[in-house]
Amino acid sequence: MKFSNIVFEEIDKVARIIFNRLDVRNALNLELLGEMIQVVEYLSKNDKIRALIITGTADVFSGGADVDYLENDLCKQPTTEIYKVLTEYYGKAALSLRKLPFPVIAAINGPAVGAAFDLSLNCDFRVAARSATMGSIWVRISTIPALGGMFL
């Protein structure tokens, strides 16, 4: 399976999703989330895989949601469209991880903030490099955590 925003690998019984948008600190845009959802749906039907690792390219897990898209495009849409995008991409990506029948590991190799931090909370385990930084930065933008951050 080839993608433009993630790298997907299967090594023996372990699958790996690598966020691959280093030029924007692996920001979670709709295309990346769509590719991730596609892989997770494939894995949910694959009886050979026993674990999934999610990580980022180089030394960045993810800087969170693609703020340029949110600010310049999504926020200008009607409320119904915003709801649709948040549930069909961001929410679905997070919930799909929780539904997998095997362990999901977030290998946090660098910054994991905002939506990326919340996404990691939906994994069964989080393993962080010494250089990793994590944070729920929602108070800085006067909103509540997305992707289940408050609950998790």
Foldseek 3Di string as FASTA:
>chain_A
DDADQWDWDDDFQEIEIEGRPVVQLSADEQRNQVVLLVVLVVQLPDPRHAEYEYAYPDQGRGPYHPVCCVVVPVVVDDPVSVVCSQCVGLQSSQVSQLPRPHFYEYENRAEQEASSLLSRVSGPYYHYDPRHDYYDCCVVVPDDGGNCPVPD
